[in-house]
Every structure is written in C-alpha cells, then in structure tokens.
Amino acid sequence: MSRLIYKICPAPLWRQAEERGFFAGAPVDMEDGFIHFSTATQVKETAAKHFKGQSDLLLIAVEEEQLGEALKYEVSRGGDLFPHLYGPLPVAAVSRVEPLPLGPDGQHIFPAIDT
C-alpha cells in the first residue's frame, strides 16, 4: 500500500487546480522550484509554522507512489526529510481533499491522518 503525503493549500488555488487537472504550486512552491509536501508526522507542525491563523485551507492527501521519480525526499526543517515534488501535481494522484478549519483556539482542526 502506498504511503500518503500531504499538501496544505488555500481552497481557491486548489479549485483552480481541479479545473486544470493539475496543481502547479502555491507562490512559495514556484519560488522554491518544487511543491512542498509533508508526511503524516510533519503536517501539523507545517500548519502551525507556515499557515498559522489562515482559514479557507484544504488538506490534500496524495499517494506518493503516484508521483514517480519527480518526488524526492530532501533535508529541510530540523534536519528532517520532507517530500518535494519537482513537477506539477496531477489531480488524479490525489486520494482525498478535506477542509482544514480553524478551531476556537486558532489552531487547525485536522481530520484523521493516514500514514
């Protein structure tokens, strides 16, 4: 079974991707030259660090085996290996898209996360 990796994405950007059939990346992805993903153990910290207080976000779950050789694990925050996609994300590779709402404490409320 394939492992899931996660992308946190503003809903309007993802809706554009659904219309096109692929996600080219958020501005930070385009600037860095790859699409940033997180593993199940990394995604909550990613939300807290890079998306604090932001609403209208979606949690995109992707089966990593669908991405082939364009997916590389590279050292990033805290020396951890993070998944980076060097190319567009095909919408067909996405296994689910779920809202990532803010709770009353300002923290994101995550759905169940599969590893």
PDB file of N, CA and C in Angstrom:
ATOM      1  N   MET A   1       0.838  -1.189   0.000  1.00  0.00           N
ATOM      2  CA  MET A   1       0.000   0.000   0.000  1.00  0.00           C
ATOM      3  C   MET A   1       0.882   1.252   0.000  1.00  0.00           C
ATOM      4  N   SER A   2       0.465   2.219  -0.740  1.00  0.00           N
ATOM      5  CA  SER A   2       1.230   3.457  -0.869  1.00  0.00           C
ATOM      6  C   SER A   2       1.085   4.319   0.376  1.00  0.00           C
ATOM      7  N   ARG A   3       2.137   5.036   0.690  1.00  0.00           N
ATOM      8  CA  ARG A   3       2.109   5.963   1.805  1.00  0.00           C
ATOM      9  C   ARG A   3       1.518   7.285   1.324  1.00  0.00           C
ATOM     10  N   LEU A   4       0.764   7.943   2.206  1.00  0.00           N
ATOM     11  CA  LEU A   4       0.191   9.234   1.882  1.00  0.00           C
ATOM     12  C   LEU A   4       1.117  10.354   2.327  1.00  0.00           C
ATOM     13  N   ILE A   5       1.181  11.386   1.503  1.00  0.00           N
ATOM     14  CA  ILE A   5       1.845  12.629   1.869  1.00  0.00           C
ATOM     15  C   ILE A   5       0.798  13.727   1.733  1.00  0.00           C
ATOM     16  N   TYR A   6       1.077  14.881   2.345  1.00  0.00           N
ATOM     17  CA  TYR A   6       0.055  15.908   2.480  1.00  0.00           C
ATOM     18  C   TYR A   6       0.531  17.273   2.014  1.00  0.00           C
ATOM     19  N   LYS A   7      -0.393  17.987   1.389  1.00  0.00           N
ATOM     20  CA  LYS A   7      -0.186  19.370   0.964  1.00  0.00           C
ATOM     21  C   LYS A   7      -1.282  20.213   1.604  1.00  0.00           C
ATOM     22  N   ILE A   8      -0.891  21.304   2.248  1.00  0.00           N
ATOM     23  CA  ILE A   8      -1.854  22.274   2.754  1.00  0.00           C
ATOM     24  C   ILE A   8      -1.969  23.358   1.681  1.00  0.00           C
ATOM     25  N   CYS A   9      -3.191  23.641   1.278  1.00  0.00           N
ATOM     26  CA  CYS A   9      -3.386  24.523   0.134  1.00  0.00           C
ATOM     27  C   CYS A   9      -4.581  25.446   0.361  1.00  0.00           C
ATOM     28  N   PRO A  10      -4.446  26.731   0.028  1.00  0.00           N
ATOM     29  CA  PRO A  10      -5.614  27.606   0.058  1.00  0.00           C
ATOM     30  C   PRO A  10      -6.687  27.068  -0.906  1.00  0.00           C
ATOM     31  N   ALA A  11      -7.926  27.058  -0.460  1.00  0.00           N
ATOM     32  CA  ALA A  11      -9.010  26.488  -1.260  1.00  0.00           C
ATOM     33  C   ALA A  11      -9.105  27.086  -2.665  1.00  0.00           C
ATOM     34  N   PRO A  12      -8.995  28.414  -2.838  1.00  0.00           N
ATOM     35  CA  PRO A  12      -9.104  28.951  -4.200  1.00  0.00           C
ATOM     36  C   PRO A  12      -8.024  28.418  -5.153  1.00  0.00           C
ATOM     37  N   LEU A  13      -6.808  28.234  -4.660  1.00  0.00           N
ATOM     38  CA  LEU A  13      -5.747  27.666  -5.502  1.00  0.00           C
ATOM     39  C   LEU A  13      -6.066  26.232  -5.905  1.00  0.00           C
ATOM     40  N   TRP A  14      -6.610  25.466  -4.964  1.00  0.00           N
ATOM     41  CA  TRP A  14      -6.922  24.073  -5.273  1.00  0.00           C
ATOM     42  C   TRP A  14      -8.078  23.981  -6.263  1.00  0.00           C
ATOM     43  N   ARG A  15      -9.067  24.861  -6.132  1.00  0.00           N
ATOM     44  CA  ARG A  15     -10.199  24.848  -7.071  1.00  0.00           C
ATOM     45  C   ARG A  15      -9.709  25.123  -8.496  1.00  0.00           C
ATOM     46  N   GLN A  16      -8.731  26.011  -8.654  1.00  0.00           N
ATOM     47  CA  GLN A  16      -8.137  26.262  -9.966  1.00  0.00           C
ATOM     48  C   GLN A  16      -7.451  24.999 -10.487  1.00  0.00           C
ATOM     49  N   ALA A  17      -6.753  24.303  -9.589  1.00  0.00           N
ATOM     50  CA  ALA A  17      -6.068  23.062  -9.977  1.00  0.00           C
ATOM     51  C   ALA A  17      -7.072  22.021 -10.454  1.00  0.00           C
ATOM     52  N   GLU A  18      -8.193  21.909  -9.761  1.00  0.00           N
ATOM     53  CA  GLU A  18      -9.215  20.937 -10.168  1.00  0.00           C
ATOM     54  C   GLU A  18      -9.733  21.247 -11.572  1.00  0.00           C
ATOM     55  N   GLU A  19      -9.884  22.523 -11.879  1.00  0.00           N
ATOM     56  CA  GLU A  19     -10.356  22.911 -13.208  1.00  0.00           C
ATOM     57  C   GLU A  19      -9.321  22.572 -14.286  1.00  0.00           C
ATOM     58  N   ARG A  20      -8.037  22.743 -13.965  1.00  0.00           N
ATOM     59  CA  ARG A  20      -6.946  22.498 -14.920  1.00  0.00           C
ATOM     60  C   ARG A  20      -6.565  21.023 -15.025  1.00  0.00           C
ATOM     61  N   GLY A  21      -6.779  20.297 -13.924  1.00  0.00           N
ATOM     62  CA  GLY A  21      -6.366  18.895 -13.888  1.00  0.00           C
ATOM     63  C   GLY A  21      -5.012  18.683 -13.233  1.00  0.00           C
ATOM     64  N   PHE A  22      -4.357  19.786 -12.835  1.00  0.00           N
ATOM     65  CA  PHE A  22      -3.069  19.665 -12.145  1.00  0.00           C
ATOM     66  C   PHE A  22      -2.861  20.897 -11.269  1.00  0.00           C
ATOM     67  N   PHE A  23      -2.005  20.725 -10.262  1.00  0.00           N
ATOM     68  CA  PHE A  23      -1.637  21.812  -9.357  1.00  0.00           C
ATOM     69  C   PHE A  23      -0.183  22.149  -9.642  1.00  0.00           C
ATOM     70  N   ALA A  24       0.060  23.387 -10.062  1.00  0.00           N
ATOM     71  CA  ALA A  24       1.421  23.817 -10.394  1.00  0.00           C
ATOM     72  C   ALA A  24       2.178  24.309  -9.166  1.00  0.00           C
ATOM     73  N   GLY A  25       1.454  24.562  -8.073  1.00  0.00           N
ATOM     74  CA  GLY A  25       2.092  25.011  -6.845  1.00  0.00           C
ATOM     75  C   GLY A  25       1.580  26.349  -6.377  1.00  0.00           C
ATOM     76  N   ALA A  26       1.763  26.584  -5.094  1.00  0.00           N
ATOM     77  CA  ALA A  26       1.468  27.878  -4.485  1.00  0.00           C
ATOM     78  C   ALA A  26       2.657  28.798  -4.770  1.00  0.00           C
ATOM     79  N   PRO A  27       2.519  30.097  -4.510  1.00  0.00           N
ATOM     80  CA  PRO A  27       3.643  31.003  -4.765  1.00  0.00           C
ATOM     81  C   PRO A  27       4.971  30.546  -4.137  1.00  0.00           C
ATOM     82  N   VAL A  28       4.941  30.045  -2.911  1.00  0.00           N
ATOM     83  CA  VAL A  28       6.183  29.596  -2.265  1.00  0.00           C
ATOM     84  C   VAL A  28       6.775  28.395  -3.001  1.00  0.00           C
ATOM     85  N   ASP A  29       5.915  27.522  -3.522  1.00  0.00           N
ATOM     86  CA  ASP A  29       6.393  26.364  -4.279  1.00  0.00           C
ATOM     87  C   ASP A  29       7.088  26.826  -5.560  1.00  0.00           C
ATOM     88  N   MET A  30       6.444  27.745  -6.247  1.00  0.00           N
ATOM     89  CA  MET A  30       7.012  28.239  -7.506  1.00  0.00           C
ATOM     90  C   MET A  30       8.342  28.948  -7.265  1.00  0.00           C
ATOM     91  N   GLU A  31       8.414  29.666  -6.174  1.00  0.00           N
ATOM     92  CA  GLU A  31       9.657  30.367  -5.822  1.00  0.00           C
ATOM     93  C   GLU A  31      10.787  29.373  -5.542  1.00  0.00           C
ATOM     94  N   ASP A  32      10.451  28.270  -4.853  1.00  0.00           N
ATOM     95  CA  ASP A  32      11.464  27.281  -4.466  1.00  0.00           C
ATOM     96  C   ASP A  32      11.769  26.262  -5.569  1.00  0.00           C
ATOM     97  N   GLY A  33      10.911  26.177  -6.574  1.00  0.00           N
ATOM     98  CA  GLY A  33      11.159  25.262  -7.682  1.00  0.00           C
ATOM     99  C   GLY A  33      10.625  23.855  -7.481  1.00  0.00           C
ATOM    100  N   PHE A  34       9.817  23.648  -6.459  1.00  0.00           N
ATOM    101  CA  PHE A  34       9.195  22.352  -6.206  1.00  0.00           C
ATOM    102  C   PHE A  34       7.960  22.557  -5.330  1.00  0.00           C
ATOM    103  N   ILE A  35       7.075  21.555  -5.323  1.00  0.00           N
ATOM    104  CA  ILE A  35       5.885  21.613  -4.483  1.00  0.00           C
ATOM    105  C   ILE A  35       6.220  20.981  -3.143  1.00  0.00           C
ATOM    106  N   HIS A  36       6.007  21.735  -2.089  1.00  0.00           N
ATOM    107  CA  HIS A  36       6.269  21.274  -0.728  1.00  0.00           C
ATOM    108  C   HIS A  36       5.161  20.336  -0.255  1.00  0.00           C
ATOM    109  N   PHE A  37       5.551  19.216   0.306  1.00  0.00           N
ATOM    110  CA  PHE A  37       4.629  18.290   0.960  1.00  0.00           C
ATOM    111  C   PHE A  37       5.153  18.005   2.363  1.00  0.00           C
ATOM    112  N   SER A  38       4.303  17.387   3.164  1.00  0.00           N
ATOM    113  CA  SER A  38       4.692  16.918   4.496  1.00  0.00           C
ATOM    114  C   SER A  38       4.214  15.484   4.662  1.00  0.00           C
ATOM    115  N   THR A  39       4.906  14.743   5.500  1.00  0.00           N
ATOM    116  CA  THR A  39       4.437  13.405   5.868  1.00  0.00           C
ATOM    117  C   THR A  39       3.369  13.560   6.946  1.00  0.00           C
ATOM    118  N   ALA A  40       2.742  12.467   7.296  1.00  0.00           N
ATOM    119  CA  ALA A  40       1.706  12.485   8.339  1.00  0.00           C
ATOM    120  C   ALA A  40       2.256  13.017   9.659  1.00  0.00           C
ATOM    121  N   THR A  41       3.495  12.706   9.967  1.00  0.00           N
ATOM    122  CA  THR A  41       4.072  13.164  11.235  1.00  0.00           C
ATOM    123  C   THR A  41       4.534  14.615  11.182  1.00  0.00           C
ATOM    124  N   GLN A  42       4.647  15.186  10.002  1.00  0.00           N
ATOM    125  CA  GLN A  42       5.145  16.560   9.851  1.00  0.00           C
ATOM    126  C   GLN A  42       4.052  17.597   9.612  1.00  0.00           C
ATOM    127  N   VAL A  43       2.888  17.174   9.131  1.00  0.00           N
ATOM    128  CA  VAL A  43       1.917  18.124   8.588  1.00  0.00           C
ATOM    129  C   VAL A  43       1.328  19.073   9.639  1.00  0.00           C
ATOM    130  N   LYS A  44       1.142  18.630  10.854  1.00  0.00           N
ATOM    131  CA  LYS A  44       0.587  19.530  11.874  1.00  0.00           C
ATOM    132  C   LYS A  44       1.570  20.648  12.221  1.00  0.00           C
ATOM    133  N   GLU A  45       2.849  20.318  12.300  1.00  0.00           N
ATOM    134  CA  GLU A  45       3.858  21.344  12.548  1.00  0.00           C
ATOM    135  C   GLU A  45       3.958  22.307  11.362  1.00  0.00           C
ATOM    136  N   THR A  46       3.823  21.774  10.157  1.00  0.00           N
ATOM    137  CA  THR A  46       3.825  22.623   8.965  1.00  0.00           C
ATOM    138  C   THR A  46       2.678  23.628   9.031  1.00  0.00           C
ATOM    139  N   ALA A  47       1.498  23.158   9.415  1.00  0.00           N
ATOM    140  CA  ALA A  47       0.338  24.058   9.526  1.00  0.00           C
ATOM    141  C   ALA A  47       0.598  25.151  10.555  1.00  0.00           C
ATOM    142  N   ALA A  48       1.134  24.768  11.701  1.00  0.00           N
ATOM    143  CA  ALA A  48       1.387  25.738  12.774  1.00  0.00           C
ATOM    144  C   ALA A  48       2.453  26.751  12.374  1.00  0.00           C
ATOM    145  N   LYS A  49       3.467  26.308  11.649  1.00  0.00           N
ATOM    146  CA  LYS A  49       4.590  27.179  11.302  1.00  0.00           C
ATOM    147  C   LYS A  49       4.295  28.078  10.098  1.00  0.00           C
ATOM    148  N   HIS A  50       3.664  27.528   9.074  1.00  0.00           N
ATOM    149  CA  HIS A  50       3.528  28.257   7.807  1.00  0.00           C
ATOM    150  C   HIS A  50       2.107  28.746   7.498  1.00  0.00           C
ATOM    151  N   PHE A  51       1.110  28.250   8.237  1.00  0.00           N
ATOM    152  CA  PHE A  51      -0.280  28.607   7.933  1.00  0.00           C
ATOM    153  C   PHE A  51      -1.041  29.092   9.167  1.00  0.00           C
ATOM    154  N   LYS A  52      -0.325  29.510  10.183  1.00  0.00           N
ATOM    155  CA  LYS A  52      -0.944  29.927  11.441  1.00  0.00           C
ATOM    156  C   LYS A  52      -2.017  30.997  11.198  1.00  0.00           C
ATOM    157  N   GLY A  53      -3.204  30.738  11.738  1.00  0.00           N
ATOM    158  CA  GLY A  53      -4.290  31.693  11.664  1.00  0.00           C
ATOM    159  C   GLY A  53      -4.981  31.794  10.315  1.00  0.00           C
ATOM    160  N   GLN A  54      -4.529  31.042   9.316  1.00  0.00           N
ATOM    161  CA  GLN A  54      -5.138  31.117   7.987  1.00  0.00           C
ATOM    162  C   GLN A  54      -6.355  30.207   7.905  1.00  0.00           C
ATOM    163  N   SER A  55      -7.408  30.756   7.337  1.00  0.00           N
ATOM    164  CA  SER A  55      -8.626  29.963   7.138  1.00  0.00           C
ATOM    165  C   SER A  55      -8.758  29.646   5.650  1.00  0.00           C
ATOM    166  N   ASP A  56      -9.808  28.940   5.293  1.00  0.00           N
ATOM    167  CA  ASP A  56     -10.094  28.550   3.917  1.00  0.00           C
ATOM    168  C   ASP A  56      -8.961  27.720   3.321  1.00  0.00           C
ATOM    169  N   LEU A  57      -8.446  26.801   4.141  1.00  0.00           N
ATOM    170  CA  LEU A  57      -7.395  25.896   3.693  1.00  0.00           C
ATOM    171  C   LEU A  57      -7.951  24.493   3.475  1.00  0.00           C
ATOM    172  N   LEU A  58      -7.276  23.747   2.632  1.00  0.00           N
ATOM    173  CA  LEU A  58      -7.617  22.353   2.394  1.00  0.00           C
ATOM    174  C   LEU A  58      -6.398  21.484   2.685  1.00  0.00           C
ATOM    175  N   LEU A  59      -6.664  20.277   3.139  1.00  0.00           N
ATOM    176  CA  LEU A  59      -5.622  19.274   3.327  1.00  0.00           C
ATOM    177  C   LEU A  59      -5.746  18.286   2.168  1.00  0.00           C
ATOM    178  N   ILE A  60      -4.711  18.241   1.345  1.00  0.00           N
ATOM    179  CA  ILE A  60      -4.694  17.395   0.155  1.00  0.00           C
ATOM    180  C   ILE A  60      -3.849  16.160   0.464  1.00  0.00           C
ATOM    181  N   ALA A  61      -4.457  14.984   0.377  1.00  0.00           N
ATOM    182  CA  ALA A  61      -3.740  13.723   0.612  1.00  0.00           C
ATOM    183  C   ALA A  61      -3.403  13.089  -0.733  1.00  0.00           C
ATOM    184  N   VAL A  62      -2.138  12.715  -0.893  1.00  0.00           N
ATOM    185  CA  VAL A  62      -1.643  12.186  -2.168  1.00  0.00           C
ATOM    186  C   VAL A  62      -0.905  10.872  -1.905  1.00  0.00           C
ATOM    187  N   GLU A  63      -1.179   9.891  -2.752  1.00  0.00           N
ATOM    188  CA  GLU A  63      -0.430   8.635  -2.674  1.00  0.00           C
ATOM    189  C   GLU A  63       0.924   8.862  -3.333  1.00  0.00           C
ATOM    190  N   GLU A  64       1.974   8.749  -2.537  1.00  0.00           N
ATOM    191  CA  GLU A  64       3.298   9.104  -3.057  1.00  0.00           C
ATOM    192  C   GLU A  64       3.713   8.265  -4.262  1.00  0.00           C
ATOM    193  N   GLU A  65       3.291   6.995  -4.319  1.00  0.00           N
ATOM    194  CA  GLU A  65       3.698   6.149  -5.449  1.00  0.00           C
ATOM    195  C   GLU A  65       3.128   6.663  -6.779  1.00  0.00           C
ATOM    196  N   GLN A  66       2.088   7.482  -6.717  1.00  0.00           N
ATOM    197  CA  GLN A  66       1.502   8.055  -7.929  1.00  0.00           C
ATOM    198  C   GLN A  66       2.395   9.131  -8.559  1.00  0.00           C
ATOM    199  N   LEU A  67       3.380   9.612  -7.810  1.00  0.00           N
ATOM    200  CA  LEU A  67       4.179  10.749  -8.255  1.00  0.00           C
ATOM    201  C   LEU A  67       5.487  10.351  -8.930  1.00  0.00           C
ATOM    202  N   GLY A  68       5.862   9.106  -8.815  1.00  0.00           N
ATOM    203  CA  GLY A  68       7.042   8.608  -9.515  1.00  0.00           C
ATOM    204  C   GLY A  68       8.337   9.279  -9.085  1.00  0.00           C
ATOM    205  N   GLU A  69       9.260   9.371 -10.035  1.00  0.00           N
ATOM    206  CA  GLU A  69      10.611   9.852  -9.747  1.00  0.00           C
ATOM    207  C   GLU A  69      10.681  11.365  -9.538  1.00  0.00           C
ATOM    208  N   ALA A  70       9.591  12.083  -9.824  1.00  0.00           N
ATOM    209  CA  ALA A  70       9.574  13.535  -9.598  1.00  0.00           C
ATOM    210  C   ALA A  70       9.511  13.859  -8.103  1.00  0.00           C
ATOM    211  N   LEU A  71       9.171  12.865  -7.283  1.00  0.00           N
ATOM    212  CA  LEU A  71       9.105  13.056  -5.832  1.00  0.00           C
ATOM    213  C   LEU A  71      10.447  12.708  -5.205  1.00  0.00           C
ATOM    214  N   LYS A  72      11.002  13.661  -4.488  1.00  0.00           N
ATOM    215  CA  LYS A  72      12.290  13.467  -3.803  1.00  0.00           C
ATOM    216  C   LYS A  72      12.122  13.814  -2.329  1.00  0.00           C
ATOM    217  N   TYR A  73      12.759  13.036  -1.476  1.00  0.00           N
ATOM    218  CA  TYR A  73      12.819  13.376  -0.051  1.00  0.00           C
ATOM    219  C   TYR A  73      14.120  14.117   0.189  1.00  0.00           C
ATOM    220  N   GLU A  74      14.001  15.332   0.739  1.00  0.00           N
ATOM    221  CA  GLU A  74      15.182  16.171   0.932  1.00  0.00           C
ATOM    222  C   GLU A  74      15.178  16.769   2.330  1.00  0.00           C
ATOM    223  N   VAL A  75      16.377  17.019   2.828  1.00  0.00           N
ATOM    224  CA  VAL A  75      16.537  17.591   4.170  1.00  0.00           C
ATOM    225  C   VAL A  75      15.954  19.000   4.199  1.00  0.00           C
ATOM    226  N   SER A  76      15.162  19.261   5.229  1.00  0.00           N
ATOM    227  CA  SER A  76      14.563  20.580   5.399  1.00  0.00           C
ATOM    228  C   SER A  76      14.491  20.883   6.887  1.00  0.00           C
ATOM    229  N   ARG A  77      13.376  21.431   7.329  1.00  0.00           N
ATOM    230  CA  ARG A  77      13.196  21.892   8.708  1.00  0.00           C
ATOM    231  C   ARG A  77      13.693  20.870   9.732  1.00  0.00           C
ATOM    232  N   GLY A  78      14.580  21.316  10.592  1.00  0.00           N
ATOM    233  CA  GLY A  78      15.073  20.486  11.685  1.00  0.00           C
ATOM    234  C   GLY A  78      15.873  19.278  11.235  1.00  0.00           C
ATOM    235  N   GLY A  79      16.338  19.281  10.003  1.00  0.00           N
ATOM    236  CA  GLY A  79      17.108  18.145   9.513  1.00  0.00           C
ATOM    237  C   GLY A  79      16.253  16.979   9.051  1.00  0.00           C
ATOM    238  N   ASP A  80      14.915  17.120   9.130  1.00  0.00           N
ATOM    239  CA  ASP A  80      14.013  16.051   8.685  1.00  0.00           C
ATOM    240  C   ASP A  80      13.977  15.975   7.166  1.00  0.00           C
ATOM    241  N   LEU A  81      13.681  14.789   6.668  1.00  0.00           N
ATOM    242  CA  LEU A  81      13.468  14.607   5.237  1.00  0.00           C
ATOM    243  C   LEU A  81      12.018  14.929   4.905  1.00  0.00           C
ATOM    244  N   PHE A  82      11.814  15.858   3.968  1.00  0.00           N
ATOM    245  CA  PHE A  82      10.483  16.259   3.538  1.00  0.00           C
ATOM    246  C   PHE A  82      10.288  15.874   2.078  1.00  0.00           C
ATOM    247  N   PRO A  83       9.063  15.476   1.708  1.00  0.00           N
ATOM    248  CA  PRO A  83       8.781  15.168   0.311  1.00  0.00           C
ATOM    249  C   PRO A  83       8.625  16.452  -0.512  1.00  0.00           C
ATOM    250  N   HIS A  84       9.329  16.512  -1.634  1.00  0.00           N
ATOM    251  CA  HIS A  84       9.274  17.644  -2.557  1.00  0.00           C
ATOM    252  C   HIS A  84       8.972  17.087  -3.949  1.00  0.00           C
ATOM    253  N   LEU A  85       8.009  17.688  -4.612  1.00  0.00           N
ATOM    254  CA  LEU A  85       7.628  17.247  -5.949  1.00  0.00           C
ATOM    255  C   LEU A  85       8.171  18.218  -6.993  1.00  0.00           C
ATOM    256  N   TYR A  86       9.026  17.718  -7.862  1.00  0.00           N
ATOM    257  CA  TYR A  86       9.627  18.513  -8.924  1.00  0.00           C
ATOM    258  C   TYR A  86       8.806  18.339 -10.198  1.00  0.00           C
ATOM    259  N   GLY A  87       7.716  19.046 -10.250  1.00  0.00           N
ATOM    260  CA  GLY A  87       6.794  18.992 -11.378  1.00  0.00           C
ATOM    261  C   GLY A  87       5.390  19.217 -10.869  1.00  0.00           C
ATOM    262  N   PRO A  88       4.422  19.290 -11.764  1.00  0.00           N
ATOM    263  CA  PRO A  88       3.046  19.528 -11.344  1.00  0.00           C
ATOM    264  C   PRO A  88       2.449  18.310 -10.644  1.00  0.00           C
ATOM    265  N   LEU A  89       1.494  18.573  -9.789  1.00  0.00           N
ATOM    266  CA  LEU A  89       0.750  17.517  -9.093  1.00  0.00           C
ATOM    267  C   LEU A  89      -0.512  17.215  -9.893  1.00  0.00           C
ATOM    268  N   PRO A  90      -0.626  16.027 -10.468  1.00  0.00           N
ATOM    269  CA  PRO A  90      -1.854  15.680 -11.174  1.00  0.00           C
ATOM    270  C   PRO A  90      -3.006  15.501 -10.169  1.00  0.00           C
ATOM    271  N   VAL A  91      -4.128  16.104 -10.458  1.00  0.00           N
ATOM    272  CA  VAL A  91      -5.281  15.971  -9.573  1.00  0.00           C
ATOM    273  C   VAL A  91      -5.659  14.495  -9.424  1.00  0.00           C
ATOM    274  N   ALA A  92      -5.435  13.704 -10.452  1.00  0.00           N
ATOM    275  CA  ALA A  92      -5.755  12.274 -10.416  1.00  0.00           C
ATOM    276  C   ALA A  92      -4.943  11.517  -9.359  1.00  0.00           C
ATOM    277  N   ALA A  93      -3.808  12.064  -8.918  1.00  0.00           N
ATOM    278  CA  ALA A  93      -2.976  11.406  -7.899  1.00  0.00           C
ATOM    279  C   ALA A  93      -3.489  11.645  -6.484  1.00  0.00           C
ATOM    280  N   VAL A  94      -4.472  12.511  -6.344  1.00  0.00           N
ATOM    281  CA  VAL A  94      -4.986  12.897  -5.026  1.00  0.00           C
ATOM    282  C   VAL A  94      -5.998  11.866  -4.548  1.00  0.00           C
ATOM    283  N   SER A  95      -5.817  11.377  -3.331  1.00  0.00           N
ATOM    284  CA  SER A  95      -6.755  10.390  -2.798  1.00  0.00           C
ATOM    285  C   SER A  95      -7.904  11.038  -2.035  1.00  0.00           C
ATOM    286  N   ARG A  96      -7.660  12.219  -1.442  1.00  0.00           N
ATOM    287  CA  ARG A  96      -8.768  12.943  -0.809  1.00  0.00           C
ATOM    288  C   ARG A  96      -8.389  14.393  -0.550  1.00  0.00           C
ATOM    289  N   VAL A  97      -9.430  15.219  -0.450  1.00  0.00           N
ATOM    290  CA  VAL A  97      -9.299  16.639  -0.164  1.00  0.00           C
ATOM    291  C   VAL A  97     -10.278  16.937   0.965  1.00  0.00           C
ATOM    292  N   GLU A  98      -9.755  17.499   2.058  1.00  0.00           N
ATOM    293  CA  GLU A  98     -10.610  17.784   3.203  1.00  0.00           C
ATOM    294  C   GLU A  98     -10.374  19.196   3.711  1.00  0.00           C
ATOM    295  N   PRO A  99     -11.418  19.825   4.247  1.00  0.00           N
ATOM    296  CA  PRO A  99     -11.240  21.158   4.836  1.00  0.00           C
ATOM    297  C   PRO A  99     -10.302  21.102   6.035  1.00  0.00           C
ATOM    298  N   LEU A 100      -9.598  22.185   6.247  1.00  0.00           N
ATOM    299  CA  LEU A 100      -8.686  22.317   7.386  1.00  0.00           C
ATOM    300  C   LEU A 100      -9.094  23.584   8.147  1.00  0.00           C
ATOM    301  N   PRO A 101     -10.202  23.483   8.887  1.00  0.00           N
ATOM    302  CA  PRO A 101     -10.740  24.677   9.559  1.00  0.00           C
ATOM    303  C   PRO A 101      -9.918  25.073  10.780  1.00  0.00           C
ATOM    304  N   LEU A 102     -10.127  26.316  11.178  1.00  0.00           N
ATOM    305  CA  LEU A 102      -9.516  26.823  12.409  1.00  0.00           C
ATOM    306  C   LEU A 102     -10.458  26.557  13.574  1.00  0.00           C
ATOM    307  N   GLY A 103      -9.887  26.108  14.673  1.00  0.00           N
ATOM    308  CA  GLY A 103     -10.663  25.930  15.890  1.00  0.00           C
ATOM    309  C   GLY A 103     -10.741  27.238  16.657  1.00  0.00           C
ATOM    310  N   PRO A 104     -11.500  27.272  17.744  1.00  0.00           N
ATOM    311  CA  PRO A 104     -11.638  28.491  18.537  1.00  0.00           C
ATOM    312  C   PRO A 104     -10.311  28.979  19.122  1.00  0.00           C
ATOM    313  N   ASP A 105      -9.347  28.067  19.250  1.00  0.00           N
ATOM    314  CA  ASP A 105      -8.031  28.442  19.791  1.00  0.00           C
ATOM    315  C   ASP A 105      -7.075  28.940  18.703  1.00  0.00           C
ATOM    316  N   GLY A 106      -7.558  29.004  17.450  1.00  0.00           N
ATOM    317  CA  GLY A 106      -6.721  29.476  16.351  1.00  0.00           C
ATOM    318  C   GLY A 106      -5.857  28.393  15.730  1.00  0.00           C
ATOM    319  N   GLN A 107      -5.952  27.171  16.240  1.00  0.00           N
ATOM    320  CA  GLN A 107      -5.204  26.034  15.687  1.00  0.00           C
ATOM    321  C   GLN A 107      -6.082  25.313  14.664  1.00  0.00           C
ATOM    322  N   HIS A 108      -5.446  24.733  13.662  1.00  0.00           N
ATOM    323  CA  HIS A 108      -6.200  23.999  12.654  1.00  0.00           C
ATOM    324  C   HIS A 108      -6.712  22.679  13.227  1.00  0.00           C
ATOM    325  N   ILE A 109      -7.913  22.315  12.805  1.00  0.00           N
ATOM    326  CA  ILE A 109      -8.532  21.063  13.212  1.00  0.00           C
ATOM    327  C   ILE A 109      -8.316  20.059  12.081  1.00  0.00           C
ATOM    328  N   PHE A 110      -7.521  19.040  12.357  1.00  0.00           N
ATOM    329  CA  PHE A 110      -7.165  18.053  11.338  1.00  0.00           C
ATOM    330  C   PHE A 110      -8.138  16.888  11.323  1.00  0.00           C
ATOM    331  N   PRO A 111      -8.439  16.387  10.136  1.00  0.00           N
ATOM    332  CA  PRO A 111      -9.179  15.117  10.035  1.00  0.00           C
ATOM    333  C   PRO A 111      -8.220  13.988  10.423  1.00  0.00           C
ATOM    334  N   ALA A 112      -8.740  12.780  10.441  1.00  0.00           N
ATOM    335  CA  ALA A 112      -7.864  11.620  10.684  1.00  0.00           C
ATOM    336  C   ALA A 112      -6.812  11.594   9.587  1.00  0.00           C
ATOM    337  N   ILE A 113      -5.577  11.362   9.987  1.00  0.00           N
ATOM    338  CA  ILE A 113      -4.463  11.361   9.036  1.00  0.00           C
ATOM    339  C   ILE A 113      -3.923   9.941   8.910  1.00  0.00           C
ATOM    340  N   ASP A 114      -3.903   9.460   7.662  1.00  0.00           N
ATOM    341  CA  ASP A 114      -3.356   8.130   7.373  1.00  0.00           C
ATOM    342  C   ASP A 114      -1.891   8.256   7.025  1.00  0.00           C
ATOM    343  N   THR A 115      -1.125   7.284   7.460  1.00  0.00           N
ATOM    344  CA  THR A 115       0.287   7.288   7.108  1.00  0.00           C
ATOM    345  C   THR A 115       0.540   6.354   5.944  1.00  0.00           C
TER     346      THR A 115
END
